[in-house]
Structures are given as structure tokens and as C-alpha cells.
Amino acid sequence: MTQISSPHSIILTLYFFTGPVSVPKLLDSNTTVTENEDAVVMTCYTDESSTNWLFNAMSMRLKKRMKLSQENRTLTIDPVRREDAGNYQCKVYNPVSSTEIAPVELDVKY
């Protein structure tokens, strides 16, 4: 957003929009893991700058064992616990649109 003004001017606001987002790709280290023994790393590959993670179709709440990379593209869970079992998705968006990948199921053995 750019604003141009002077003492006697009208404020002009310019918005620059990109096109619709492309579908991201999710790469996971392993989808079947053992509780308290294994770690999981999931990476969302996208060109978009805004990324969110969903757990069982809801916004994720990070726990102490979970870390996100600086741009939210990589999720690490170490160690994995049985409550982490479920469906994970990354959602990417820009001012024009958003999209999410199909869920990836994490199976935690105990």
C-alpha cells in the first residue's frame, strides 16, 4: 500500500494484488511414527508468503514440542506424542485467494 499526500492533496491509496495462489506441496519425513521416540518434519512448498498450518481442519495451536520455521513453511514435532495423531494441512494465501492441500494423516504408534 502506498499513500501520497501534501498539504492540499487527496490521499491516493494503491493496492498491488497478485493472482490466485497455486496449490502448495507438502513433504513429510514420515507419516507413521512411534510415540516419544520419533520426530516429524513437514514442509509446505509454496511461492506464497503467507502460510498457516491446520490440524484436523482447525488452526494449529503449537505446543512446546512443536516449532515452525521463520516463514511458517516447516513444522517440526519432536518428540511426537499420541495426541499429535491426526490430519495436517498447510494453507497458503495472498490478498486475492487462498488454498490448502489435502490432509496428510499422521499415525502415532504407542
C-alpha atoms as a PDB file:
ATOM      1  CA  MET A   1       0.000   0.000   0.000  1.00  0.00           C
ATOM      2  CA  THR A   2       1.365   3.422  -0.988  1.00  0.00           C
ATOM      3  CA  GLN A   3      -0.050   6.722   0.213  1.00  0.00           C
ATOM      4  CA  ILE A   4       0.822  10.055  -1.379  1.00  0.00           C
ATOM      5  CA  SER A   5      -0.194  13.306   0.308  1.00  0.00           C
ATOM      6  CA  SER A   6       0.654  17.007   0.576  1.00  0.00           C
ATOM      7  CA  PRO A   7      -0.977  19.880   2.496  1.00  0.00           C
ATOM      8  CA  HIS A   8      -3.693  20.316  -0.183  1.00  0.00           C
ATOM      9  CA  SER A   9      -3.973  16.883  -1.717  1.00  0.00           C
ATOM     10  CA  ILE A  10      -6.270  13.923  -1.829  1.00  0.00           C
ATOM     11  CA  ILE A  11      -4.876  10.729  -0.337  1.00  0.00           C
ATOM     12  CA  LEU A  12      -4.258   8.162  -3.044  1.00  0.00           C
ATOM     13  CA  THR A  13      -4.006   4.553  -1.936  1.00  0.00           C
ATOM     14  CA  LEU A  14      -2.650   1.932  -4.340  1.00  0.00           C
ATOM     15  CA  TYR A  15      -3.056  -1.790  -3.752  1.00  0.00           C
ATOM     16  CA  PHE A  16      -0.967  -4.296  -5.656  1.00  0.00           C
ATOM     17  CA  PHE A  17      -2.585  -7.710  -5.969  1.00  0.00           C
ATOM     18  CA  THR A  18      -1.093 -10.846  -7.356  1.00  0.00           C
ATOM     19  CA  GLY A  19      -3.103 -13.605  -8.985  1.00  0.00           C
ATOM     20  CA  PRO A  20      -4.678 -16.615  -7.298  1.00  0.00           C
ATOM     21  CA  VAL A  21      -2.408 -18.778  -5.163  1.00  0.00           C
ATOM     22  CA  SER A  22      -1.070 -22.023  -6.556  1.00  0.00           C
ATOM     23  CA  VAL A  23      -1.672 -25.287  -4.704  1.00  0.00           C
ATOM     24  CA  PRO A  24       1.197 -25.945  -2.264  1.00  0.00           C
ATOM     25  CA  LYS A  25       3.002 -29.265  -1.931  1.00  0.00           C
ATOM     26  CA  LEU A  26       3.589 -30.957   1.418  1.00  0.00           C
ATOM     27  CA  LEU A  27       6.616 -33.129   2.087  1.00  0.00           C
ATOM     28  CA  ASP A  28       6.728 -35.090   5.327  1.00  0.00           C
ATOM     29  CA  SER A  29       9.574 -37.063   6.833  1.00  0.00           C
ATOM     30  CA  ASN A  30       7.368 -39.949   7.970  1.00  0.00           C
ATOM     31  CA  THR A  31       3.631 -40.483   8.484  1.00  0.00           C
ATOM     32  CA  THR A  32       3.848 -43.490  10.824  1.00  0.00           C
ATOM     33  CA  VAL A  33       5.894 -42.800  13.947  1.00  0.00           C
ATOM     34  CA  THR A  34       6.398 -44.121  17.482  1.00  0.00           C
ATOM     35  CA  GLU A  35       5.381 -42.045  20.490  1.00  0.00           C
ATOM     36  CA  ASN A  36       8.265 -40.382  22.401  1.00  0.00           C
ATOM     37  CA  GLU A  37      10.845 -41.949  20.055  1.00  0.00           C
ATOM     38  CA  ASP A  38      10.394 -40.221  16.703  1.00  0.00           C
ATOM     39  CA  ALA A  39      10.240 -36.703  15.337  1.00  0.00           C
ATOM     40  CA  VAL A  40       8.260 -35.487  12.339  1.00  0.00           C
ATOM     41  CA  VAL A  41       9.213 -32.718   9.935  1.00  0.00           C
ATOM     42  CA  MET A  42       6.593 -31.424   7.482  1.00  0.00           C
ATOM     43  CA  THR A  43       7.458 -28.808   4.870  1.00  0.00           C
ATOM     44  CA  CYS A  44       4.958 -26.828   2.814  1.00  0.00           C
ATOM     45  CA  TYR A  45       6.443 -25.900  -0.567  1.00  0.00           C
ATOM     46  CA  THR A  46       4.890 -22.717  -1.928  1.00  0.00           C
ATOM     47  CA  ASP A  47       5.763 -19.415  -3.582  1.00  0.00           C
ATOM     48  CA  GLU A  48       3.303 -17.557  -1.368  1.00  0.00           C
ATOM     49  CA  SER A  49       4.483 -15.514   1.590  1.00  0.00           C
ATOM     50  CA  SER A  50       1.660 -16.394   3.984  1.00  0.00           C
ATOM     51  CA  THR A  51       1.358 -19.940   5.308  1.00  0.00           C
ATOM     52  CA  ASN A  52      -0.758 -21.401   8.110  1.00  0.00           C
ATOM     53  CA  TRP A  53      -0.960 -24.948   9.450  1.00  0.00           C
ATOM     54  CA  LEU A  54      -4.173 -26.823  10.196  1.00  0.00           C
ATOM     55  CA  PHE A  55      -4.605 -29.815  12.496  1.00  0.00           C
ATOM     56  CA  ASN A  56      -7.813 -31.796  11.954  1.00  0.00           C
ATOM     57  CA  ALA A  57      -9.144 -28.914   9.792  1.00  0.00           C
ATOM     58  CA  MET A  58      -8.636 -26.276  12.532  1.00  0.00           C
ATOM     59  CA  SER A  59      -5.881 -23.692  13.066  1.00  0.00           C
ATOM     60  CA  MET A  60      -2.990 -25.305  14.907  1.00  0.00           C
ATOM     61  CA  ARG A  61      -2.064 -24.401  18.440  1.00  0.00           C
ATOM     62  CA  LEU A  62       1.643 -25.014  18.878  1.00  0.00           C
ATOM     63  CA  LYS A  63       2.873 -26.939  21.887  1.00  0.00           C
ATOM     64  CA  LYS A  64       6.364 -26.729  23.390  1.00  0.00           C
ATOM     65  CA  ARG A  65       7.446 -29.761  21.348  1.00  0.00           C
ATOM     66  CA  MET A  66       6.438 -28.045  18.096  1.00  0.00           C
ATOM     67  CA  LYS A  67       8.424 -25.487  16.119  1.00  0.00           C
ATOM     68  CA  LEU A  68       7.701 -23.505  12.983  1.00  0.00           C
ATOM     69  CA  SER A  69      10.391 -22.178  10.685  1.00  0.00           C
ATOM     70  CA  GLN A  70      10.751 -18.431  10.268  1.00  0.00           C
ATOM     71  CA  GLU A  71       8.304 -18.278   7.331  1.00  0.00           C
ATOM     72  CA  ASN A  72       5.952 -20.935   8.821  1.00  0.00           C
ATOM     73  CA  ARG A  73       6.745 -23.330   5.985  1.00  0.00           C
ATOM     74  CA  THR A  74       8.303 -26.109   8.068  1.00  0.00           C
ATOM     75  CA  LEU A  75       6.615 -27.715  11.072  1.00  0.00           C
ATOM     76  CA  THR A  76       8.727 -29.893  13.393  1.00  0.00           C
ATOM     77  CA  ILE A  77       7.248 -32.049  16.170  1.00  0.00           C
ATOM     78  CA  ASP A  78       9.868 -33.549  18.487  1.00  0.00           C
ATOM     79  CA  PRO A  79       9.114 -35.863  20.152  1.00  0.00           C
ATOM     80  CA  VAL A  80       5.801 -36.997  18.726  1.00  0.00           C
ATOM     81  CA  ARG A  81       3.033 -37.975  21.160  1.00  0.00           C
ATOM     82  CA  ARG A  82      -0.223 -39.857  20.607  1.00  0.00           C
ATOM     83  CA  GLU A  83      -2.234 -36.625  20.824  1.00  0.00           C
ATOM     84  CA  ASP A  84      -0.373 -35.452  17.687  1.00  0.00           C
ATOM     85  CA  ALA A  85      -2.034 -38.189  15.597  1.00  0.00           C
ATOM     86  CA  GLY A  86      -4.431 -36.744  13.040  1.00  0.00           C
ATOM     87  CA  ASN A  87      -4.629 -34.802   9.808  1.00  0.00           C
ATOM     88  CA  TYR A  88      -2.209 -31.994   8.948  1.00  0.00           C
ATOM     89  CA  GLN A  89      -2.581 -29.431   6.175  1.00  0.00           C
ATOM     90  CA  CYS A  90      -0.824 -26.282   5.121  1.00  0.00           C
ATOM     91  CA  LYS A  91      -2.894 -23.362   3.897  1.00  0.00           C
ATOM     92  CA  VAL A  92      -1.386 -20.591   1.781  1.00  0.00           C
ATOM     93  CA  TYR A  93      -2.928 -17.259   0.962  1.00  0.00           C
ATOM     94  CA  ASN A  94      -2.458 -13.800  -0.502  1.00  0.00           C
ATOM     95  CA  PRO A  95      -4.834 -10.803  -0.680  1.00  0.00           C
ATOM     96  CA  VAL A  96      -6.678 -12.361  -3.642  1.00  0.00           C
ATOM     97  CA  SER A  97      -7.211 -16.008  -2.692  1.00  0.00           C
ATOM     98  CA  SER A  98      -6.243 -18.955  -0.515  1.00  0.00           C
ATOM     99  CA  THR A  99      -5.914 -22.702  -0.887  1.00  0.00           C
ATOM    100  CA  GLU A 100      -4.913 -25.696   1.202  1.00  0.00           C
ATOM    101  CA  ILE A 101      -3.547 -29.115   0.416  1.00  0.00           C
ATOM    102  CA  ALA A 102      -5.370 -32.373   1.001  1.00  0.00           C
ATOM    103  CA  PRO A 103      -4.824 -33.618   4.571  1.00  0.00           C
ATOM    104  CA  VAL A 104      -1.816 -35.798   5.390  1.00  0.00           C
ATOM    105  CA  GLU A 105      -2.574 -38.277   8.176  1.00  0.00           C
ATOM    106  CA  LEU A 106      -0.015 -38.768  10.937  1.00  0.00           C
ATOM    107  CA  ASP A 107      -0.273 -42.158  12.661  1.00  0.00           C
ATOM    108  CA  VAL A 108       1.384 -42.386  16.090  1.00  0.00           C
ATOM    109  CA  LYS A 109       2.110 -45.870  17.466  1.00  0.00           C
ATOM    110  CA  TYR A 110       2.328 -46.387  21.236  1.00  0.00           C
END
